[in-house]
C-alpha cells in the first residue's frame, strides 16, 4: 500500500477533501467555455431589460401604490434565473457521462459522492455569480436594497441556497438520461411552468382564481415573496421563512440521496 493511499482521508472527510478537488476542477473549466459563461450571464440581463421596459408599464399598474416594478421584478427574476440555471448541472453530468469522464472518476480512489458534491458546489458558485450580476443590473434599472445591504445579502444567499437544492434534482436527471441534449430538454419541460405559474413576473392576485391556488403554493412564489420581504421591509413576515427552509432541506435530502444512489448504480 502506498503512502498516499495509506493517508487518504476516509468517510465524511474524504467527501469534503475529494469534493473540493472536483469543485476546483469544474471551476477551472468555466473560463475554458466562455460561450457558456457569457450565455449564463447575458440571459438574466436580457430578461431584466425586456420585462422592465417592455412589460413594466402595464404590469406596474397592478402593483401596490409606491412599489416600482423594478423593486418587484428583481427578486422574482433572481429566483427564475437561478432555477433555470440549475439545468447546467444536469447537462454537465450528462456530458461527463457521454464522454466517459465519470468512468474515469469512478476508477480513481476518491469518495463516490465527491463527483456529485464537486459538480453541485461548483455550480453553486456559478449561481452566486449570476445573482451578483442580477443585483448590478437591477441597480441600473432602479432596484434598491431599501432595507439595507445586510438584508440584500440575505436575499442573495436564500436564492442561491434554493438553487443548491434544485441542483440535486437536476443531478438526478443528468444521471438518468445520460445525454446532454435530452438532459437540457428534460429540465426545461418542468422548469418553465414552475417559474411562470408564480409571482416571479406578476402578482398572483392578477391571475384567474383557479390558477392562484397553484401559484400561491408554488415554491418559486414562496421564495420570490420572501426575497421581496428581505429587500423591501427588512424582515420576513410570519410564516414565510419556514416553508422556504422546508423546501430547501426537503429537496436536498430527498434528491441528494436519490442522486448519490443513482451514481453508485451507474
C-alpha atoms as a PDB file:
ATOM      1  CA  UNK A   1       0.000   0.000   0.000  1.00  0.00           C
ATOM      2  CA  UNK A   2       1.411   3.385  -0.988  1.00  0.00           C
ATOM      3  CA  UNK A   3       1.908   6.200   1.470  1.00  0.00           C
ATOM      4  CA  UNK A   4      -0.588   8.358  -0.446  1.00  0.00           C
ATOM      5  CA  UNK A   5      -3.239   5.643  -0.200  1.00  0.00           C
ATOM      6  CA  UNK A   6      -2.474   4.965   3.465  1.00  0.00           C
ATOM      7  CA  UNK A   7      -3.014   8.596   4.439  1.00  0.00           C
ATOM      8  CA  UNK A   8      -6.008   9.137   2.219  1.00  0.00           C
ATOM      9  CA  UNK A   9      -8.972  10.754   4.044  1.00  0.00           C
ATOM     10  CA  UNK A  10     -11.915   8.500   4.899  1.00  0.00           C
ATOM     11  CA  UNK A  11     -15.639   8.972   5.420  1.00  0.00           C
ATOM     12  CA  UNK A  12     -17.031  12.482   5.556  1.00  0.00           C
ATOM     13  CA  UNK A  13     -13.507  13.903   5.484  1.00  0.00           C
ATOM     14  CA  UNK A  14     -12.933  12.096   2.179  1.00  0.00           C
ATOM     15  CA  UNK A  15     -16.115  13.548   0.692  1.00  0.00           C
ATOM     16  CA  UNK A  16     -15.068  17.081   1.701  1.00  0.00           C
ATOM     17  CA  UNK A  17     -11.461  16.634   0.571  1.00  0.00           C
ATOM     18  CA  UNK A  18     -12.246  14.947  -2.754  1.00  0.00           C
ATOM     19  CA  UNK A  19     -15.297  17.103  -3.355  1.00  0.00           C
ATOM     20  CA  UNK A  20     -13.157  20.237  -3.020  1.00  0.00           C
ATOM     21  CA  UNK A  21     -10.770  18.907  -5.671  1.00  0.00           C
ATOM     22  CA  UNK A  22     -13.629  18.132  -8.083  1.00  0.00           C
ATOM     23  CA  UNK A  23     -15.161  21.542  -7.349  1.00  0.00           C
ATOM     24  CA  UNK A  24     -11.908  23.247  -8.298  1.00  0.00           C
ATOM     25  CA  UNK A  25     -11.692  21.138 -11.455  1.00  0.00           C
ATOM     26  CA  UNK A  26     -15.164  22.279 -12.523  1.00  0.00           C
ATOM     27  CA  UNK A  27     -14.484  25.924 -11.681  1.00  0.00           C
ATOM     28  CA  UNK A  28     -11.290  25.885 -13.731  1.00  0.00           C
ATOM     29  CA  UNK A  29     -13.357  24.664 -16.688  1.00  0.00           C
ATOM     30  CA  UNK A  30     -15.575  27.784 -16.648  1.00  0.00           C
ATOM     31  CA  UNK A  31     -13.091  30.183 -18.326  1.00  0.00           C
ATOM     32  CA  UNK A  32     -12.402  27.491 -20.936  1.00  0.00           C
ATOM     33  CA  UNK A  33     -16.039  27.620 -22.057  1.00  0.00           C
ATOM     34  CA  UNK A  34     -16.597  31.393 -22.379  1.00  0.00           C
ATOM     35  CA  UNK A  35     -19.683  30.935 -24.553  1.00  0.00           C
ATOM     36  CA  UNK A  36     -21.452  29.062 -21.720  1.00  0.00           C
ATOM     37  CA  UNK A  37     -20.417  31.637 -19.140  1.00  0.00           C
ATOM     38  CA  UNK A  38     -21.455  34.509 -21.412  1.00  0.00           C
ATOM     39  CA  UNK A  39     -24.875  32.971 -22.114  1.00  0.00           C
ATOM     40  CA  UNK A  40     -25.390  32.287 -18.419  1.00  0.00           C
ATOM     41  CA  UNK A  41     -24.717  35.918 -17.517  1.00  0.00           C
ATOM     42  CA  UNK A  42     -26.353  37.593 -20.542  1.00  0.00           C
ATOM     43  CA  UNK A  43     -29.687  35.763 -20.321  1.00  0.00           C
ATOM     44  CA  UNK A  44     -30.748  37.304 -16.973  1.00  0.00           C
ATOM     45  CA  UNK A  45     -29.706  40.743 -18.202  1.00  0.00           C
ATOM     46  CA  UNK A  46     -31.999  40.336 -21.218  1.00  0.00           C
ATOM     47  CA  UNK A  47     -34.902  39.250 -19.011  1.00  0.00           C
ATOM     48  CA  UNK A  48     -34.462  42.252 -16.712  1.00  0.00           C
ATOM     49  CA  UNK A  49     -34.261  44.771 -19.571  1.00  0.00           C
ATOM     50  CA  UNK A  50     -37.180  43.285 -21.525  1.00  0.00           C
ATOM     51  CA  UNK A  51     -39.568  42.946 -18.612  1.00  0.00           C
ATOM     52  CA  UNK A  52     -38.651  46.322 -17.108  1.00  0.00           C
ATOM     53  CA  UNK A  53     -39.015  48.389 -20.265  1.00  0.00           C
ATOM     54  CA  UNK A  54     -41.469  46.329 -22.352  1.00  0.00           C
ATOM     55  CA  UNK A  55     -43.914  44.934 -19.787  1.00  0.00           C
ATOM     56  CA  UNK A  56     -43.150  47.099 -16.763  1.00  0.00           C
ATOM     57  CA  UNK A  57     -45.583  49.878 -17.707  1.00  0.00           C
ATOM     58  CA  UNK A  58     -48.655  47.652 -17.859  1.00  0.00           C
ATOM     59  CA  UNK A  59     -47.747  45.203 -15.089  1.00  0.00           C
ATOM     60  CA  UNK A  60     -46.686  48.017 -12.774  1.00  0.00           C
ATOM     61  CA  UNK A  61     -50.272  49.317 -12.726  1.00  0.00           C
ATOM     62  CA  UNK A  62     -51.388  46.213 -10.807  1.00  0.00           C
ATOM     63  CA  UNK A  63     -48.802  46.714  -8.037  1.00  0.00           C
ATOM     64  CA  UNK A  64     -49.486  48.418  -4.690  1.00  0.00           C
ATOM     65  CA  UNK A  65     -49.021  52.204  -4.709  1.00  0.00           C
ATOM     66  CA  UNK A  66     -45.407  53.265  -4.205  1.00  0.00           C
ATOM     67  CA  UNK A  67     -43.942  49.928  -5.324  1.00  0.00           C
ATOM     68  CA  UNK A  68     -41.976  50.206  -8.564  1.00  0.00           C
ATOM     69  CA  UNK A  69     -41.902  47.318 -10.990  1.00  0.00           C
ATOM     70  CA  UNK A  70     -38.105  47.110 -10.683  1.00  0.00           C
ATOM     71  CA  UNK A  71     -38.418  46.513  -6.924  1.00  0.00           C
ATOM     72  CA  UNK A  72     -40.994  43.799  -7.594  1.00  0.00           C
ATOM     73  CA  UNK A  73     -39.213  42.244 -10.562  1.00  0.00           C
ATOM     74  CA  UNK A  74     -35.580  41.798  -9.495  1.00  0.00           C
ATOM     75  CA  UNK A  75     -36.205  39.354  -6.608  1.00  0.00           C
ATOM     76  CA  UNK A  76     -38.515  37.337  -8.865  1.00  0.00           C
ATOM     77  CA  UNK A  77     -36.108  37.377 -11.800  1.00  0.00           C
ATOM     78  CA  UNK A  78     -33.341  36.231  -9.455  1.00  0.00           C
ATOM     79  CA  UNK A  79     -35.378  33.167  -8.479  1.00  0.00           C
ATOM     80  CA  UNK A  80     -36.348  32.423 -12.079  1.00  0.00           C
ATOM     81  CA  UNK A  81     -32.820  32.795 -13.422  1.00  0.00           C
ATOM     82  CA  UNK A  82     -31.235  30.689 -10.699  1.00  0.00           C
ATOM     83  CA  UNK A  83     -33.843  27.941 -11.133  1.00  0.00           C
ATOM     84  CA  UNK A  84     -33.294  27.919 -14.904  1.00  0.00           C
ATOM     85  CA  UNK A  85     -29.516  27.957 -14.449  1.00  0.00           C
ATOM     86  CA  UNK A  86     -29.564  24.747 -12.408  1.00  0.00           C
ATOM     87  CA  UNK A  87     -30.128  22.908 -15.692  1.00  0.00           C
ATOM     88  CA  UNK A  88     -26.368  23.283 -16.249  1.00  0.00           C
ATOM     89  CA  UNK A  89     -25.903  20.632 -13.547  1.00  0.00           C
ATOM     90  CA  UNK A  90     -27.892  18.016 -15.462  1.00  0.00           C
ATOM     91  CA  UNK A  91     -26.281  18.966 -18.771  1.00  0.00           C
ATOM     92  CA  UNK A  92     -22.771  18.889 -17.274  1.00  0.00           C
ATOM     93  CA  UNK A  93     -23.225  15.491 -15.643  1.00  0.00           C
ATOM     94  CA  UNK A  94     -24.834  14.010 -18.744  1.00  0.00           C
ATOM     95  CA  UNK A  95     -21.975  15.372 -20.850  1.00  0.00           C
ATOM     96  CA  UNK A  96     -19.394  13.874 -18.473  1.00  0.00           C
ATOM     97  CA  UNK A  97     -21.183  10.541 -18.719  1.00  0.00           C
ATOM     98  CA  UNK A  98     -21.229  10.724 -22.504  1.00  0.00           C
ATOM     99  CA  UNK A  99     -17.516  11.493 -22.695  1.00  0.00           C
ATOM    100  CA  UNK A 100     -16.569   8.770 -20.216  1.00  0.00           C
ATOM    101  CA  UNK A 101     -15.238  11.214 -17.624  1.00  0.00           C
ATOM    102  CA  UNK A 102     -17.471   9.770 -14.921  1.00  0.00           C
ATOM    103  CA  UNK A 103     -15.997   6.315 -15.562  1.00  0.00           C
ATOM    104  CA  UNK A 104     -12.528   7.789 -15.111  1.00  0.00           C
ATOM    105  CA  UNK A 105     -13.570   9.409 -11.840  1.00  0.00           C
ATOM    106  CA  UNK A 106     -15.006   6.122 -10.627  1.00  0.00           C
ATOM    107  CA  UNK A 107     -11.689   4.389 -11.314  1.00  0.00           C
ATOM    108  CA  UNK A 108      -9.878   6.845  -9.026  1.00  0.00           C
ATOM    109  CA  UNK A 109      -9.504   6.255  -5.262  1.00  0.00           C
ATOM    110  CA  UNK A 110     -11.939   9.049  -4.342  1.00  0.00           C
ATOM    111  CA  UNK A 111     -15.207   9.147  -2.422  1.00  0.00           C
ATOM    112  CA  UNK A 112     -18.114   8.114  -4.660  1.00  0.00           C
ATOM    113  CA  UNK A 113     -20.290  11.102  -3.771  1.00  0.00           C
ATOM    114  CA  UNK A 114     -17.391  13.557  -4.278  1.00  0.00           C
ATOM    115  CA  UNK A 115     -18.114  13.799  -8.015  1.00  0.00           C
ATOM    116  CA  UNK A 116     -21.670  14.967  -7.373  1.00  0.00           C
ATOM    117  CA  UNK A 117     -20.684  17.215  -4.476  1.00  0.00           C
ATOM    118  CA  UNK A 118     -17.941  18.810  -6.561  1.00  0.00           C
ATOM    119  CA  UNK A 119     -20.231  19.393  -9.524  1.00  0.00           C
ATOM    120  CA  UNK A 120     -23.004  20.953  -7.456  1.00  0.00           C
ATOM    121  CA  UNK A 121     -20.663  23.089  -5.333  1.00  0.00           C
ATOM    122  CA  UNK A 122     -19.050  24.488  -8.481  1.00  0.00           C
ATOM    123  CA  UNK A 123     -22.459  25.167  -9.991  1.00  0.00           C
ATOM    124  CA  UNK A 124     -23.498  26.897  -6.755  1.00  0.00           C
ATOM    125  CA  UNK A 125     -20.538  29.272  -7.135  1.00  0.00           C
ATOM    126  CA  UNK A 126     -21.756  29.975 -10.663  1.00  0.00           C
ATOM    127  CA  UNK A 127     -25.247  30.680  -9.311  1.00  0.00           C
ATOM    128  CA  UNK A 128     -23.735  33.179  -6.877  1.00  0.00           C
ATOM    129  CA  UNK A 129     -22.027  34.938  -9.797  1.00  0.00           C
ATOM    130  CA  UNK A 130     -25.365  35.136 -11.604  1.00  0.00           C
ATOM    131  CA  UNK A 131     -27.063  36.599  -8.521  1.00  0.00           C
ATOM    132  CA  UNK A 132     -24.394  39.298  -8.204  1.00  0.00           C
ATOM    133  CA  UNK A 133     -24.768  40.222 -11.888  1.00  0.00           C
ATOM    134  CA  UNK A 134     -28.540  40.490 -11.430  1.00  0.00           C
ATOM    135  CA  UNK A 135     -28.144  42.828  -8.472  1.00  0.00           C
ATOM    136  CA  UNK A 136     -25.809  45.068 -10.505  1.00  0.00           C
ATOM    137  CA  UNK A 137     -28.207  45.159 -13.457  1.00  0.00           C
ATOM    138  CA  UNK A 138     -31.093  45.722 -11.063  1.00  0.00           C
ATOM    139  CA  UNK A 139     -29.408  48.816  -9.669  1.00  0.00           C
ATOM    140  CA  UNK A 140     -29.061  50.159 -13.213  1.00  0.00           C
ATOM    141  CA  UNK A 141     -32.838  49.867 -13.832  1.00  0.00           C
ATOM    142  CA  UNK A 142     -33.835  51.301 -10.453  1.00  0.00           C
ATOM    143  CA  UNK A 143     -33.801  48.417  -7.965  1.00  0.00           C
ATOM    144  CA  UNK A 144     -32.505  49.190  -4.462  1.00  0.00           C
ATOM    145  CA  UNK A 145     -31.905  47.332  -1.202  1.00  0.00           C
ATOM    146  CA  UNK A 146     -34.376  49.542   0.629  1.00  0.00           C
ATOM    147  CA  UNK A 147     -33.963  47.644   3.897  1.00  0.00           C
ATOM    148  CA  UNK A 148     -30.159  47.775   3.787  1.00  0.00           C
ATOM    149  CA  UNK A 149     -27.240  45.794   2.428  1.00  0.00           C
ATOM    150  CA  UNK A 150     -27.464  43.114   5.130  1.00  0.00           C
ATOM    151  CA  UNK A 151     -30.966  42.103   4.120  1.00  0.00           C
ATOM    152  CA  UNK A 152     -29.892  42.305   0.485  1.00  0.00           C
ATOM    153  CA  UNK A 153     -27.220  39.731   1.256  1.00  0.00           C
ATOM    154  CA  UNK A 154     -29.915  37.545   2.842  1.00  0.00           C
ATOM    155  CA  UNK A 155     -31.867  37.792  -0.417  1.00  0.00           C
ATOM    156  CA  UNK A 156     -28.914  36.597  -2.475  1.00  0.00           C
ATOM    157  CA  UNK A 157     -27.988  33.760  -0.103  1.00  0.00           C
ATOM    158  CA  UNK A 158     -31.575  32.499   0.124  1.00  0.00           C
ATOM    159  CA  UNK A 159     -31.859  32.389  -3.665  1.00  0.00           C
ATOM    160  CA  UNK A 160     -28.527  30.567  -4.044  1.00  0.00           C
ATOM    161  CA  UNK A 161     -29.466  28.079  -1.289  1.00  0.00           C
ATOM    162  CA  UNK A 162     -32.656  27.238  -3.180  1.00  0.00           C
ATOM    163  CA  UNK A 163     -30.599  26.825  -6.356  1.00  0.00           C
ATOM    164  CA  UNK A 164     -28.292  24.432  -4.488  1.00  0.00           C
ATOM    165  CA  UNK A 165     -31.314  22.311  -3.528  1.00  0.00           C
ATOM    166  CA  UNK A 166     -32.725  22.374  -7.064  1.00  0.00           C
ATOM    167  CA  UNK A 167     -29.343  21.294  -8.445  1.00  0.00           C
ATOM    168  CA  UNK A 168     -29.781  17.886  -6.805  1.00  0.00           C
ATOM    169  CA  UNK A 169     -32.939  17.345  -8.856  1.00  0.00           C
ATOM    170  CA  UNK A 170     -31.035  18.267 -11.988  1.00  0.00           C
ATOM    171  CA  UNK A 171     -28.175  15.971 -10.993  1.00  0.00           C
ATOM    172  CA  UNK A 172     -30.594  13.051 -10.810  1.00  0.00           C
ATOM    173  CA  UNK A 173     -31.969  13.964 -14.240  1.00  0.00           C
ATOM    174  CA  UNK A 174     -28.470  14.211 -15.738  1.00  0.00           C
ATOM    175  CA  UNK A 175     -27.505  10.811 -14.352  1.00  0.00           C
ATOM    176  CA  UNK A 176     -30.746   9.259 -15.588  1.00  0.00           C
ATOM    177  CA  UNK A 177     -30.820  10.426 -19.214  1.00  0.00           C
ATOM    178  CA  UNK A 178     -27.041  10.320 -19.909  1.00  0.00           C
ATOM    179  CA  UNK A 179     -27.361  12.656 -22.893  1.00  0.00           C
ATOM    180  CA  UNK A 180     -26.663  16.391 -22.723  1.00  0.00           C
ATOM    181  CA  UNK A 181     -29.388  17.467 -25.167  1.00  0.00           C
ATOM    182  CA  UNK A 182     -32.022  15.271 -23.540  1.00  0.00           C
ATOM    183  CA  UNK A 183     -30.965  16.498 -20.096  1.00  0.00           C
ATOM    184  CA  UNK A 184     -31.450  20.097 -21.186  1.00  0.00           C
ATOM    185  CA  UNK A 185     -34.914  19.364 -22.573  1.00  0.00           C
ATOM    186  CA  UNK A 186     -35.950  17.275 -19.579  1.00  0.00           C
ATOM    187  CA  UNK A 187     -35.096  20.129 -17.244  1.00  0.00           C
ATOM    188  CA  UNK A 188     -36.777  22.851 -19.296  1.00  0.00           C
ATOM    189  CA  UNK A 189     -40.078  20.971 -19.652  1.00  0.00           C
ATOM    190  CA  UNK A 190     -40.938  21.252 -15.963  1.00  0.00           C
ATOM    191  CA  UNK A 191     -38.902  24.336 -15.005  1.00  0.00           C
ATOM    192  CA  UNK A 192     -40.802  26.528 -17.470  1.00  0.00           C
ATOM    193  CA  UNK A 193     -44.286  26.130 -15.921  1.00  0.00           C
ATOM    194  CA  UNK A 194     -42.810  26.057 -12.409  1.00  0.00           C
ATOM    195  CA  UNK A 195     -41.374  29.554 -12.805  1.00  0.00           C
ATOM    196  CA  UNK A 196     -44.065  31.182 -14.944  1.00  0.00           C
ATOM    197  CA  UNK A 197     -47.015  29.995 -12.817  1.00  0.00           C
ATOM    198  CA  UNK A 198     -45.694  32.006  -9.897  1.00  0.00           C
ATOM    199  CA  UNK A 199     -45.258  35.555  -8.631  1.00  0.00           C
ATOM    200  CA  UNK A 200     -41.945  35.986 -10.450  1.00  0.00           C
ATOM    201  CA  UNK A 201     -43.246  38.438 -13.067  1.00  0.00           C
ATOM    202  CA  UNK A 202     -46.755  39.390 -11.944  1.00  0.00           C
ATOM    203  CA  UNK A 203     -48.735  39.492  -8.687  1.00  0.00           C
ATOM    204  CA  UNK A 204     -50.609  36.262  -8.018  1.00  0.00           C
ATOM    205  CA  UNK A 205     -53.808  38.273  -7.466  1.00  0.00           C
ATOM    206  CA  UNK A 206     -53.837  39.180 -11.182  1.00  0.00           C
ATOM    207  CA  UNK A 207     -54.233  35.513 -12.190  1.00  0.00           C
ATOM    208  CA  UNK A 208     -57.512  33.568 -12.591  1.00  0.00           C
ATOM    209  CA  UNK A 209     -58.849  32.214  -9.305  1.00  0.00           C
ATOM    210  CA  UNK A 210     -58.123  28.547 -10.026  1.00  0.00           C
ATOM    211  CA  UNK A 211     -54.540  29.367 -11.040  1.00  0.00           C
ATOM    212  CA  UNK A 212     -53.943  31.442  -7.922  1.00  0.00           C
ATOM    213  CA  UNK A 213     -54.260  28.297  -5.796  1.00  0.00           C
ATOM    214  CA  UNK A 214     -51.416  26.682  -7.735  1.00  0.00           C
ATOM    215  CA  UNK A 215     -49.273  29.827  -7.847  1.00  0.00           C
ATOM    216  CA  UNK A 216     -49.546  30.603  -4.122  1.00  0.00           C
ATOM    217  CA  UNK A 217     -48.328  27.120  -3.156  1.00  0.00           C
ATOM    218  CA  UNK A 218     -45.552  27.091  -5.743  1.00  0.00           C
ATOM    219  CA  UNK A 219     -42.115  27.046  -4.019  1.00  0.00           C
ATOM    220  CA  UNK A 220     -40.916  29.619  -6.554  1.00  0.00           C
ATOM    221  CA  UNK A 221     -43.651  32.004  -5.395  1.00  0.00           C
ATOM    222  CA  UNK A 222     -42.840  31.351  -1.741  1.00  0.00           C
ATOM    223  CA  UNK A 223     -39.166  32.152  -2.335  1.00  0.00           C
ATOM    224  CA  UNK A 224     -39.818  35.203  -4.534  1.00  0.00           C
ATOM    225  CA  UNK A 225     -42.131  36.682  -1.903  1.00  0.00           C
ATOM    226  CA  UNK A 226     -39.554  36.041   0.828  1.00  0.00           C
ATOM    227  CA  UNK A 227     -36.828  37.789  -1.176  1.00  0.00           C
ATOM    228  CA  UNK A 228     -39.106  40.801  -1.639  1.00  0.00           C
ATOM    229  CA  UNK A 229     -39.685  40.948   2.105  1.00  0.00           C
ATOM    230  CA  UNK A 230     -35.928  40.920   2.679  1.00  0.00           C
ATOM    231  CA  UNK A 231     -35.345  43.847   0.364  1.00  0.00           C
ATOM    232  CA  UNK A 232     -38.456  45.947   1.000  1.00  0.00           C
ATOM    233  CA  UNK A 233     -39.266  45.694   4.719  1.00  0.00           C
ATOM    234  CA  UNK A 234     -36.051  44.235   6.134  1.00  0.00           C
ATOM    235  CA  UNK A 235     -37.602  41.241   7.833  1.00  0.00           C
ATOM    236  CA  UNK A 236     -39.591  38.190   6.815  1.00  0.00           C
ATOM    237  CA  UNK A 237     -43.273  38.178   7.696  1.00  0.00           C
ATOM    238  CA  UNK A 238     -44.651  35.475   9.967  1.00  0.00           C
ATOM    239  CA  UNK A 239     -44.856  32.089   8.285  1.00  0.00           C
ATOM    240  CA  UNK A 240     -42.808  32.931   5.193  1.00  0.00           C
ATOM    241  CA  UNK A 241     -39.399  31.546   6.204  1.00  0.00           C
ATOM    242  CA  UNK A 242     -40.414  28.052   7.377  1.00  0.00           C
ATOM    243  CA  UNK A 243     -41.945  26.887   4.039  1.00  0.00           C
ATOM    244  CA  UNK A 244     -38.878  28.008   2.071  1.00  0.00           C
ATOM    245  CA  UNK A 245     -36.478  26.339   4.502  1.00  0.00           C
ATOM    246  CA  UNK A 246     -38.618  23.185   4.395  1.00  0.00           C
ATOM    247  CA  UNK A 247     -38.423  23.116   0.584  1.00  0.00           C
ATOM    248  CA  UNK A 248     -34.648  23.648   0.588  1.00  0.00           C
ATOM    249  CA  UNK A 249     -33.978  20.969   3.215  1.00  0.00           C
ATOM    250  CA  UNK A 250     -36.516  18.547   1.764  1.00  0.00           C
ATOM    251  CA  UNK A 251     -35.311  18.805  -1.843  1.00  0.00           C
ATOM    252  CA  UNK A 252     -31.675  18.463  -0.785  1.00  0.00           C
ATOM    253  CA  UNK A 253     -32.333  15.457   1.447  1.00  0.00           C
ATOM    254  CA  UNK A 254     -34.609  13.558  -0.943  1.00  0.00           C
ATOM    255  CA  UNK A 255     -32.963  14.233  -4.284  1.00  0.00           C
ATOM    256  CA  UNK A 256     -29.442  14.303  -2.854  1.00  0.00           C
ATOM    257  CA  UNK A 257     -29.991  10.768  -1.561  1.00  0.00           C
ATOM    258  CA  UNK A 258     -31.546   9.635  -4.847  1.00  0.00           C
ATOM    259  CA  UNK A 259     -28.782  11.206  -6.937  1.00  0.00           C
ATOM    260  CA  UNK A 260     -25.990   9.616  -4.886  1.00  0.00           C
ATOM    261  CA  UNK A 261     -27.752   6.228  -5.038  1.00  0.00           C
ATOM    262  CA  UNK A 262     -28.175   6.585  -8.815  1.00  0.00           C
ATOM    263  CA  UNK A 263     -24.496   7.475  -9.241  1.00  0.00           C
ATOM    264  CA  UNK A 264     -23.414   4.413  -7.308  1.00  0.00           C
ATOM    265  CA  UNK A 265     -25.518   2.177  -9.597  1.00  0.00           C
ATOM    266  CA  UNK A 266     -24.044   3.532 -12.846  1.00  0.00           C
END
